[in-house]
N, C-alpha and C. Protein backbone atom coordinates (compact mmCIF):
# COMPACT_ATOMS: atom_id res chain seq x y z
N MET A 1 0.74 -1.41 -0.18
CA MET A 1 0.20 -0.16 0.17
C MET A 1 0.82 1.26 0.56
N ARG A 2 0.37 2.14 -0.57
CA ARG A 2 0.83 3.61 -0.64
C ARG A 2 0.19 4.79 -0.16
N TYR A 3 0.60 5.94 0.79
CA TYR A 3 0.08 6.66 1.21
C TYR A 3 0.45 8.13 0.71
N VAL A 4 -0.39 8.40 -0.23
CA VAL A 4 -0.28 9.90 -0.93
C VAL A 4 -0.84 10.95 -0.62
N LEU A 5 -1.03 12.00 -0.84
CA LEU A 5 -1.65 13.52 -0.53
C LEU A 5 -2.43 13.55 -1.71
N TYR A 6 -3.49 14.46 -1.48
CA TYR A 6 -4.65 14.78 -3.07
C TYR A 6 -5.06 16.19 -2.40
N VAL A 7 -5.20 16.61 -3.34
CA VAL A 7 -5.86 18.10 -3.28
C VAL A 7 -6.91 18.29 -3.96
N PHE A 8 -7.83 19.17 -3.54
CA PHE A 8 -9.10 19.14 -3.50
C PHE A 8 -9.32 20.57 -3.29
N LEU A 9 -10.58 21.49 -4.05
CA LEU A 9 -10.75 22.82 -4.12
C LEU A 9 -12.29 22.98 -3.58
N CYS A 10 -12.34 23.76 -2.38
CA CYS A 10 -14.11 24.19 -1.52
C CYS A 10 -13.96 25.16 -1.82
N ASP A 11 -14.81 25.62 -1.70
CA ASP A 11 -16.14 26.98 -1.47
C ASP A 11 -15.04 27.41 -0.44
N LEU A 12 -14.56 28.79 -0.53
CA LEU A 12 -14.35 29.70 0.76
C LEU A 12 -15.60 29.75 1.73
N ASN A 13 -16.30 30.13 1.47
CA ASN A 13 -17.87 30.42 1.97
C ASN A 13 -18.20 29.57 2.72
N ASP A 14 -18.36 28.16 1.77
CA ASP A 14 -18.82 27.05 2.49
C ASP A 14 -17.92 25.82 2.21
N PRO A 15 -17.12 25.56 2.97
CA PRO A 15 -16.05 24.53 2.89
C PRO A 15 -16.79 22.87 2.42
N SER A 16 -17.49 22.70 2.97
CA SER A 16 -18.18 21.60 2.86
C SER A 16 -18.70 21.24 1.10
N ARG A 17 -18.77 22.18 0.50
CA ARG A 17 -19.05 22.12 -0.97
C ARG A 17 -17.32 22.35 -1.87
N GLN A 18 -17.37 21.05 -2.08
CA GLN A 18 -16.68 20.94 -3.44
C GLN A 18 -16.37 21.83 -4.59
N ILE A 19 -15.61 22.18 -5.09
CA ILE A 19 -15.55 22.83 -6.50
C ILE A 19 -14.80 21.89 -7.78
N ALA A 20 -13.74 21.69 -7.03
CA ALA A 20 -12.98 20.58 -8.27
C ALA A 20 -11.99 19.73 -7.35
N ALA A 21 -11.84 18.30 -7.97
CA ALA A 21 -11.92 17.01 -7.51
C ALA A 21 -10.58 16.84 -8.49
N PRO A 22 -9.43 17.21 -8.66
CA PRO A 22 -8.53 16.54 -9.67
C PRO A 22 -8.05 15.15 -9.84
N GLY A 23 -7.84 14.24 -10.71
CA GLY A 23 -7.59 12.85 -10.61
C GLY A 23 -6.30 12.50 -10.29
N GLY A 24 -5.94 11.47 -9.69
CA GLY A 24 -4.88 11.16 -9.54
C GLY A 24 -4.03 11.91 -7.94
N TYR A 25 -3.11 11.92 -7.72
CA TYR A 25 -2.43 11.86 -6.66
C TYR A 25 -1.92 13.33 -6.55
N PHE A 26 -1.63 14.21 -5.49
CA PHE A 26 -0.84 15.34 -5.82
C PHE A 26 0.65 14.91 -5.34
N MET A 27 0.77 14.62 -4.59
CA MET A 27 2.33 14.17 -4.06
C MET A 27 2.49 12.83 -3.36
N ALA A 28 3.29 12.12 -3.43
CA ALA A 28 3.56 10.37 -3.91
C ALA A 28 5.20 10.39 -3.19
N PRO A 29 5.66 9.25 -1.98
CA PRO A 29 6.65 9.20 -2.08
C PRO A 29 7.55 8.81 -2.87
N GLU A 30 8.64 9.47 -3.29
CA GLU A 30 9.75 8.87 -4.70
C GLU A 30 10.93 8.55 -4.04
N ASN A 31 11.93 7.88 -4.66
CA ASN A 31 13.24 7.23 -4.30
C ASN A 31 13.50 6.94 -2.54
N GLY A 32 13.95 7.77 -2.25
CA GLY A 32 14.83 7.74 -0.66
C GLY A 32 13.08 8.17 0.20
N GLU A 33 12.26 9.21 -0.24
CA GLU A 33 11.01 8.69 0.54
C GLU A 33 10.11 8.12 0.96
N ARG A 34 10.68 6.65 -0.03
CA ARG A 34 10.09 5.26 0.26
C ARG A 34 10.41 4.32 1.01
N VAL A 35 11.48 4.65 1.57
CA VAL A 35 12.15 3.73 2.71
C VAL A 35 12.47 4.13 4.19
N GLY A 36 11.54 3.22 4.79
CA GLY A 36 11.82 4.00 6.56
C GLY A 36 11.21 2.59 7.07
N ASP A 37 10.70 3.31 8.22
CA ASP A 37 10.07 2.52 9.81
C ASP A 37 8.83 2.38 9.11
N VAL A 38 7.76 3.20 8.17
CA VAL A 38 6.63 2.65 7.67
C VAL A 38 6.72 3.02 6.56
N SER A 39 7.40 2.36 5.30
CA SER A 39 7.53 2.59 4.14
C SER A 39 6.26 3.08 3.20
N ASN A 40 6.74 3.52 2.39
CA ASN A 40 5.76 4.04 1.12
C ASN A 40 5.20 4.84 1.59
N VAL A 41 5.43 5.87 2.29
CA VAL A 41 4.27 6.79 2.61
C VAL A 41 4.87 8.10 2.96
N VAL A 42 3.54 9.38 2.80
CA VAL A 42 3.90 10.94 3.01
C VAL A 42 3.10 11.39 3.58
N PHE A 43 3.09 12.23 4.25
CA PHE A 43 2.03 12.89 4.88
C PHE A 43 2.35 14.09 5.57
N ALA A 44 1.35 15.02 5.05
CA ALA A 44 1.07 16.51 5.42
C ALA A 44 1.50 16.44 7.31
N ASN A 45 2.34 17.66 7.30
CA ASN A 45 2.83 17.72 8.68
C ASN A 45 2.02 19.59 8.71
N GLY A 46 1.92 20.27 7.65
CA GLY A 46 1.16 21.89 7.41
C GLY A 46 1.50 22.64 6.52
N TRP A 47 0.89 23.25 6.04
CA TRP A 47 1.37 24.05 4.74
C TRP A 47 1.36 25.87 5.51
N VAL A 48 1.97 26.62 4.75
CA VAL A 48 2.08 27.81 5.05
C VAL A 48 2.18 28.68 3.90
N ALA A 49 1.10 29.76 3.88
CA ALA A 49 0.77 30.38 2.71
C ALA A 49 1.85 32.15 3.13
N ARG A 50 2.29 32.13 2.29
CA ARG A 50 2.67 33.88 2.67
C ARG A 50 2.13 34.69 1.91
N LYS A 51 2.16 35.82 2.37
CA LYS A 51 1.45 37.01 1.62
C LYS A 51 2.25 37.07 0.20
N ASN A 52 2.77 36.53 -0.37
CA ASN A 52 3.26 36.98 -1.49
C ASN A 52 3.00 36.03 -2.52
N GLY A 53 2.33 34.96 -2.08
CA GLY A 53 1.53 33.73 -3.04
C GLY A 53 2.31 32.59 -2.78
N ASP A 54 4.13 32.34 -2.07
CA ASP A 54 4.51 31.20 -1.94
C ASP A 54 3.82 30.16 -0.76
N VAL A 55 3.94 28.95 -1.50
CA VAL A 55 3.64 28.28 -0.10
C VAL A 55 4.54 27.08 0.12
N PHE A 56 4.45 26.65 1.28
CA PHE A 56 5.56 25.75 1.81
C PHE A 56 4.50 24.74 2.36
N ILE A 57 5.03 23.51 1.80
CA ILE A 57 4.47 22.20 2.21
C ILE A 57 5.49 21.36 3.14
N TYR A 58 4.96 21.20 4.20
CA TYR A 58 5.88 20.71 5.19
C TYR A 58 5.25 19.23 5.12
N TYR A 59 6.11 17.90 4.91
CA TYR A 59 5.54 16.57 4.84
C TYR A 59 6.79 15.66 5.43
N GLY A 60 6.02 14.88 6.00
CA GLY A 60 7.14 13.52 6.45
C GLY A 60 7.10 12.47 5.04
N SER A 61 7.80 11.44 5.42
CA SER A 61 8.10 10.48 4.44
C SER A 61 8.58 9.14 5.36
N SER A 62 7.88 7.87 4.90
CA SER A 62 7.93 6.67 5.50
C SER A 62 8.17 6.58 7.19
N ASP A 63 7.56 7.63 7.92
CA ASP A 63 7.80 7.91 9.35
C ASP A 63 9.60 8.16 9.71
N THR A 64 10.38 8.72 8.91
CA THR A 64 11.63 8.70 9.55
C THR A 64 12.23 10.06 8.90
N ARG A 65 11.73 10.64 8.08
CA ARG A 65 11.97 12.05 7.38
C ARG A 65 11.23 13.05 7.51
N THR A 66 11.56 14.20 7.68
CA THR A 66 10.50 15.77 7.25
C THR A 66 11.33 16.03 5.92
N HIS A 67 10.42 16.75 5.02
CA HIS A 67 10.52 17.77 4.34
C HIS A 67 10.06 18.80 3.91
N VAL A 68 10.39 19.64 3.05
CA VAL A 68 9.18 20.97 2.53
C VAL A 68 9.38 21.31 1.07
N ALA A 69 8.36 20.98 0.53
CA ALA A 69 8.12 20.92 -1.01
C ALA A 69 7.83 23.04 -1.10
N THR A 70 8.24 23.51 -2.54
CA THR A 70 7.29 24.52 -2.26
C THR A 70 6.78 25.18 -3.43
N THR A 71 5.81 25.45 -3.44
CA THR A 71 4.63 26.47 -4.68
C THR A 71 4.12 27.50 -4.53
N THR A 72 3.47 27.78 -5.36
CA THR A 72 2.22 29.48 -5.49
C THR A 72 1.00 28.90 -4.64
N VAL A 73 0.30 29.94 -4.14
CA VAL A 73 -1.12 29.64 -4.36
C VAL A 73 -1.95 29.50 -6.00
N GLU A 74 -1.18 30.26 -6.50
CA GLU A 74 -1.55 30.47 -8.06
C GLU A 74 -1.37 28.83 -8.89
N LYS A 75 -0.48 28.45 -8.53
CA LYS A 75 -0.07 26.93 -9.26
C LYS A 75 -0.65 26.00 -8.45
N LEU A 76 -1.18 26.06 -7.70
CA LEU A 76 -2.11 25.16 -6.38
C LEU A 76 -3.40 25.03 -7.20
N LEU A 77 -4.07 26.17 -6.70
CA LEU A 77 -5.25 26.38 -8.05
C LEU A 77 -5.52 26.34 -9.28
N ASP A 78 -4.62 26.23 -9.99
CA ASP A 78 -4.29 25.90 -11.72
C ASP A 78 -4.41 24.29 -11.70
N TYR A 79 -3.39 23.91 -10.84
CA TYR A 79 -3.89 22.43 -10.84
C TYR A 79 -5.03 22.17 -10.49
N ALA A 80 -5.87 22.72 -9.22
CA ALA A 80 -7.05 22.40 -8.97
C ALA A 80 -7.78 22.02 -10.00
N ALA A 81 -7.97 23.38 -10.27
CA ALA A 81 -9.24 23.88 -11.47
C ALA A 81 -9.13 23.31 -12.59
N ASN A 82 -7.38 22.94 -13.24
CA ASN A 82 -7.71 22.37 -14.72
C ASN A 82 -6.70 21.06 -14.94
N THR A 83 -6.93 20.16 -13.69
CA THR A 83 -6.55 18.63 -13.87
C THR A 83 -8.31 18.09 -13.87
N PRO A 84 -8.27 17.04 -15.03
CA PRO A 84 -9.44 16.61 -14.88
C PRO A 84 -9.71 15.82 -13.41
N PRO A 85 -10.98 15.56 -13.19
CA PRO A 85 -11.41 14.45 -12.35
C PRO A 85 -11.05 13.10 -12.58
N ASP A 86 -10.78 12.39 -11.78
CA ASP A 86 -10.54 10.71 -12.25
C ASP A 86 -11.48 10.47 -12.71
N ALA A 87 -11.18 9.88 -14.13
CA ALA A 87 -12.50 9.09 -15.22
C ALA A 87 -12.74 7.67 -14.66
N LEU A 88 -12.19 6.87 -14.06
CA LEU A 88 -12.50 5.89 -13.17
C LEU A 88 -12.22 4.60 -14.09
N ARG A 89 -11.43 4.74 -15.11
CA ARG A 89 -11.28 3.71 -16.30
C ARG A 89 -10.02 3.96 -16.42
N SER A 90 -9.22 2.97 -16.81
CA SER A 90 -7.59 3.42 -17.00
C SER A 90 -7.43 4.15 -18.75
N LYS A 91 -8.34 3.55 -19.64
CA LYS A 91 -7.74 3.69 -20.56
C LYS A 91 -8.65 5.66 -20.87
N LEU A 92 -9.75 5.57 -20.13
CA LEU A 92 -10.13 7.14 -19.94
C LEU A 92 -8.94 8.30 -19.15
N CYS A 93 -8.63 7.38 -18.42
CA CYS A 93 -7.28 8.30 -17.62
C CYS A 93 -6.16 8.75 -18.32
N VAL A 94 -5.87 7.70 -19.37
CA VAL A 94 -4.47 7.76 -20.29
C VAL A 94 -5.10 9.02 -21.30
N ASP A 95 -6.30 8.70 -21.99
CA ASP A 95 -6.96 9.69 -22.89
C ASP A 95 -7.01 10.84 -22.35
N GLN A 96 -7.47 11.28 -20.86
CA GLN A 96 -7.64 12.75 -20.43
C GLN A 96 -6.28 12.97 -20.49
N ARG A 97 -5.18 12.33 -20.15
CA ARG A 97 -3.68 12.76 -19.44
C ARG A 97 -3.35 13.35 -21.17
N CYS A 98 -3.78 12.36 -21.97
CA CYS A 98 -2.61 12.74 -23.16
C CYS A 98 -3.22 14.09 -24.06
N LYS A 99 -4.81 14.26 -23.63
CA LYS A 99 -5.26 15.76 -24.43
C LYS A 99 -4.86 16.84 -23.28
N LEU A 100 -4.37 16.75 -21.80
CA LEU A 100 -4.00 17.53 -21.16
C LEU A 100 -2.39 18.11 -21.59
N ILE A 101 -1.51 16.74 -22.05
CA ILE A 101 -0.19 17.46 -22.13
C ILE A 101 -0.31 18.10 -23.55
N GLU A 102 -1.14 17.56 -24.62
CA GLU A 102 -1.03 18.17 -25.85
C GLU A 102 -1.59 19.64 -25.21
N LYS A 103 -2.93 20.08 -24.83
CA LYS A 103 -3.40 21.34 -24.80
C LYS A 103 -1.67 22.09 -23.80
N ASN A 104 -0.99 21.61 -23.02
CA ASN A 104 -0.28 22.44 -22.30
C ASN A 104 0.73 22.36 -23.10
N LEU A 105 1.47 21.77 -24.23
CA LEU A 105 1.99 21.92 -25.60
C LEU A 105 1.71 23.10 -25.80
N ARG A 106 0.61 23.30 -26.25
CA ARG A 106 0.29 24.34 -26.86
C ARG A 106 0.44 25.95 -26.25
N LEU A 107 0.65 25.87 -24.96
CA LEU A 107 0.86 27.22 -24.19
C LEU A 107 2.16 27.65 -24.45
N PRO A 108 2.27 29.13 -24.34
CA PRO A 108 3.44 29.66 -24.87
C PRO A 108 4.10 29.31 -23.59
N CYS A 109 5.70 29.26 -23.80
CA CYS A 109 6.95 28.89 -22.72
C CYS A 109 6.98 30.15 -21.93
N GLU A 110 7.34 29.88 -20.85
CA GLU A 110 7.81 31.05 -19.95
C GLU A 110 9.64 30.88 -19.98
N LYS A 111 9.90 32.30 -20.32
CA LYS A 111 11.52 32.15 -20.10
C LYS A 111 12.08 32.29 -18.92
N SER A 112 13.06 31.70 -18.11
CA SER A 112 13.50 31.94 -16.94
C SER A 112 14.76 32.86 -16.69
C-alpha cells in the first residue's frame, strides 16, 4: 500500500462544498522517501501560505524524514481547477492525460 496526498478545491464560504477534485494524487513518495520505519508513505505536517503567494508544504516520509516542498497559491489553484477529475477507467484516464499534455504543449513557454 502507498499513502499519498490529494488536493481538493472547496468553496471559501462553504468548505463542505467541493468545487474541484483533480484526478490522481498530488504528492507521492519517491526514491529515498519510500524507505523507512513505515515504508511508502507521505503525510502532510502543515502548509504555510506567505503574503506574496508562496506556499511551503511541510511533509514527512516513511515515518523517518521531514521535507518541505515549495509552490505558489496560483499554481495550486491552476492544478486544482485544470486537472480533470478521475475518469475511473485506465484507458479514459490515459486519454485525459494525453489531451492535457497536448493542451499544455500549445501554451507559450515561460523564459527563466
